Amino acid sequence: MAATRTSLVNTNDVSTTNEIEQLPTLFTKLGDDVVQLFNSQLALFRVEIREEANIFARGAVMIAVGSVIGVIGFALLNVALAFGVSTLFARANFSQPASYALGFVATGVFYLIVGAILVVAIRSRLANQQLVPKRTVAELRKDKEWLKNEL
């Protein structure tokens, strides 16, 4: 019986010693896992920021192309419409320069109104685009909860 008690005591001492020796290893592994977790979160953040920047860049390019096409169309239609409207004013017994001037002014005001409506619509569409990377924020919240529960 004495030998059995001694072997039990020695076994408990060995397991406690092994647990103490493994504790720094566990902390090192936990630190490595946390660093790896933050690195993966940073990579996800970078990817999401690139995606958002690409969306804005494509939108800006499309706005620029649309603006150039709109300006060309504006100029051509404005001239044609202004000459058409000026013929209406010519029937009202205005002089030819006055009817041309009124035709161009009326047409210019019309296009300015249409252009302003388009700019406001596109600006509001871009304003609704979220800059916060949703997936990264969600992952960071999950990781925060996980760390709270683990520590």
Protein backbone atom coordinates (compact mmCIF):
# COMPACT_ATOMS: atom_id res chain seq x y z
CA MET A 1 0.00 0.00 0.00
CA ALA A 2 2.79 2.39 0.74
CA ALA A 3 4.22 1.92 -2.71
CA THR A 4 0.86 2.69 -4.28
CA ARG A 5 0.49 5.95 -2.41
CA THR A 6 4.00 7.03 -3.40
CA SER A 7 3.37 6.28 -7.08
CA LEU A 8 0.13 8.28 -6.97
CA VAL A 9 1.87 11.29 -5.47
CA ASN A 10 4.69 11.12 -7.99
CA THR A 11 2.22 10.86 -10.90
CA ASN A 12 0.38 14.01 -9.79
CA ASP A 13 3.66 15.89 -9.43
CA VAL A 14 4.71 14.88 -12.97
CA SER A 15 1.40 15.96 -14.53
CA THR A 16 1.58 19.33 -12.74
CA THR A 17 5.15 19.82 -13.93
CA ASN A 18 4.14 18.96 -17.53
CA GLU A 19 1.24 21.41 -17.37
CA ILE A 20 3.53 24.18 -16.11
CA GLU A 21 6.05 23.45 -18.87
CA GLN A 22 3.27 23.50 -21.50
CA LEU A 23 1.84 26.84 -20.33
CA PRO A 24 4.47 29.04 -22.10
CA THR A 25 4.02 26.92 -25.22
CA LEU A 26 0.28 27.49 -25.09
CA PHE A 27 0.75 31.25 -24.65
CA THR A 28 3.17 31.30 -27.57
CA LYS A 29 0.68 29.41 -29.72
CA LEU A 30 -2.13 31.76 -28.63
CA GLY A 31 0.02 34.77 -29.52
CA ASP A 32 0.84 33.27 -32.93
CA ASP A 33 -2.83 32.53 -33.55
CA VAL A 34 -3.83 36.10 -32.62
CA VAL A 35 -1.16 37.52 -34.95
CA GLN A 36 -2.33 35.23 -37.74
CA LEU A 37 -5.94 36.24 -37.08
CA PHE A 38 -5.11 39.95 -37.30
CA ASN A 39 -3.06 39.38 -40.45
CA SER A 40 -6.00 37.62 -42.08
CA GLN A 41 -8.34 40.42 -40.97
CA LEU A 42 -5.95 42.99 -42.43
CA ALA A 43 -5.83 41.07 -45.71
CA LEU A 44 -9.64 40.96 -45.82
CA PHE A 45 -9.76 44.69 -45.11
CA ARG A 46 -7.32 45.39 -47.95
CA VAL A 47 -9.36 43.30 -50.38
CA GLU A 48 -12.58 45.05 -49.42
CA ILE A 49 -11.01 48.49 -49.71
CA ARG A 50 -9.70 47.59 -53.18
CA GLU A 51 -13.15 46.38 -54.21
CA GLU A 52 -14.76 49.61 -52.98
CA ALA A 53 -12.09 51.72 -54.69
CA ASN A 54 -12.63 49.81 -57.94
CA ILE A 55 -16.37 50.46 -57.74
CA PHE A 56 -15.77 54.18 -57.24
CA ALA A 57 -13.10 54.27 -59.96
CA ARG A 58 -15.42 52.56 -62.46
CA GLY A 59 -18.19 54.96 -61.47
CA ALA A 60 -15.89 57.96 -61.90
CA VAL A 61 -14.74 56.74 -65.33
CA MET A 62 -18.33 56.17 -66.42
CA ILE A 63 -19.29 59.64 -65.18
CA ALA A 64 -16.37 61.16 -67.09
CA VAL A 65 -17.23 59.29 -70.31
CA GLY A 66 -20.90 60.14 -69.90
CA SER A 67 -20.01 63.76 -69.28
CA VAL A 68 -17.90 64.01 -72.45
CA ILE A 69 -20.62 62.38 -74.53
CA GLY A 70 -23.19 64.59 -72.84
CA VAL A 71 -21.21 67.72 -73.59
CA ILE A 72 -20.90 66.81 -77.26
CA GLY A 73 -24.58 65.97 -77.46
CA PHE A 74 -25.42 69.09 -75.52
CA ALA A 75 -23.54 71.26 -77.96
CA LEU A 76 -25.05 69.69 -81.07
CA LEU A 77 -28.60 69.48 -79.79
CA ASN A 78 -28.36 72.93 -78.29
CA VAL A 79 -27.41 74.46 -81.62
CA ALA A 80 -30.08 72.56 -83.51
CA LEU A 81 -32.79 73.20 -80.94
CA ALA A 82 -31.81 76.84 -80.61
CA PHE A 83 -32.17 77.33 -84.34
CA GLY A 84 -35.54 75.56 -84.20
CA VAL A 85 -36.78 77.67 -81.30
CA SER A 86 -35.46 80.83 -82.96
CA THR A 87 -37.74 80.15 -85.96
CA LEU A 88 -40.67 80.22 -83.52
CA PHE A 89 -39.52 83.61 -82.24
CA ALA A 90 -39.00 84.82 -85.80
CA ARG A 91 -42.73 84.32 -86.40
CA ALA A 92 -43.40 86.65 -83.46
CA ASN A 93 -41.91 89.56 -85.41
CA PHE A 94 -38.62 89.69 -83.44
CA SER A 95 -35.51 90.68 -85.31
CA GLN A 96 -33.36 87.81 -86.54
CA PRO A 97 -30.56 88.37 -83.94
CA ALA A 98 -33.13 88.65 -81.13
CA SER A 99 -34.94 85.47 -82.19
CA TYR A 100 -31.60 83.61 -82.37
CA ALA A 101 -30.62 84.90 -78.94
CA LEU A 102 -33.97 83.90 -77.38
CA GLY A 103 -33.76 80.47 -79.04
CA PHE A 104 -30.29 79.84 -77.65
CA VAL A 105 -31.22 81.08 -74.17
CA ALA A 106 -34.34 78.90 -73.98
CA THR A 107 -32.43 75.85 -75.18
CA GLY A 108 -29.53 76.50 -72.79
CA VAL A 109 -31.85 76.78 -69.80
CA PHE A 110 -33.53 73.49 -70.74
CA TYR A 111 -30.21 71.63 -70.93
CA LEU A 112 -28.96 73.15 -67.71
CA ILE A 113 -32.04 71.83 -65.89
CA VAL A 114 -31.63 68.34 -67.38
CA GLY A 115 -27.89 68.32 -66.53
CA ALA A 116 -28.53 69.39 -62.95
CA ILE A 117 -31.06 66.59 -62.50
CA LEU A 118 -28.55 64.03 -63.80
CA VAL A 119 -25.74 65.29 -61.55
CA VAL A 120 -27.96 65.20 -58.46
CA ALA A 121 -29.15 61.66 -59.28
CA ILE A 122 -25.61 60.31 -59.74
CA ARG A 123 -24.32 62.11 -56.65
CA SER A 124 -27.07 60.60 -54.50
CA ARG A 125 -26.32 57.15 -55.90
CA LEU A 126 -22.65 57.49 -54.96
CA ALA A 127 -23.56 58.92 -51.55
CA ASN A 128 -25.52 55.73 -50.81
CA GLN A 129 -22.40 53.62 -51.45
CA GLN A 130 -21.01 52.47 -48.11
CA LEU A 131 -17.33 53.06 -47.37
CA VAL A 132 -17.23 50.77 -44.33
CA PRO A 133 -16.04 47.27 -45.22
CA LYS A 134 -18.95 45.23 -43.87
CA ARG A 135 -17.31 41.81 -43.93
CA THR A 136 -14.19 43.02 -42.13
CA VAL A 137 -16.23 44.73 -39.42
CA ALA A 138 -18.34 41.61 -38.95
CA GLU A 139 -15.24 39.42 -38.71
CA LEU A 140 -13.61 41.79 -36.23
CA ARG A 141 -16.73 41.69 -34.05
CA LYS A 142 -16.72 37.89 -34.13
CA ASP A 143 -13.04 37.83 -33.23
CA LYS A 144 -13.59 40.28 -30.40
CA GLU A 145 -16.32 38.05 -28.95
CA TRP A 146 -14.13 34.98 -29.41
CA LEU A 147 -11.22 36.63 -27.60
CA LYS A 148 -13.51 37.71 -24.75
CA ASN A 149 -14.76 34.15 -24.36
CA GLU A 150 -11.29 32.61 -24.58
CA LEU A 151 -9.56 34.98 -22.19
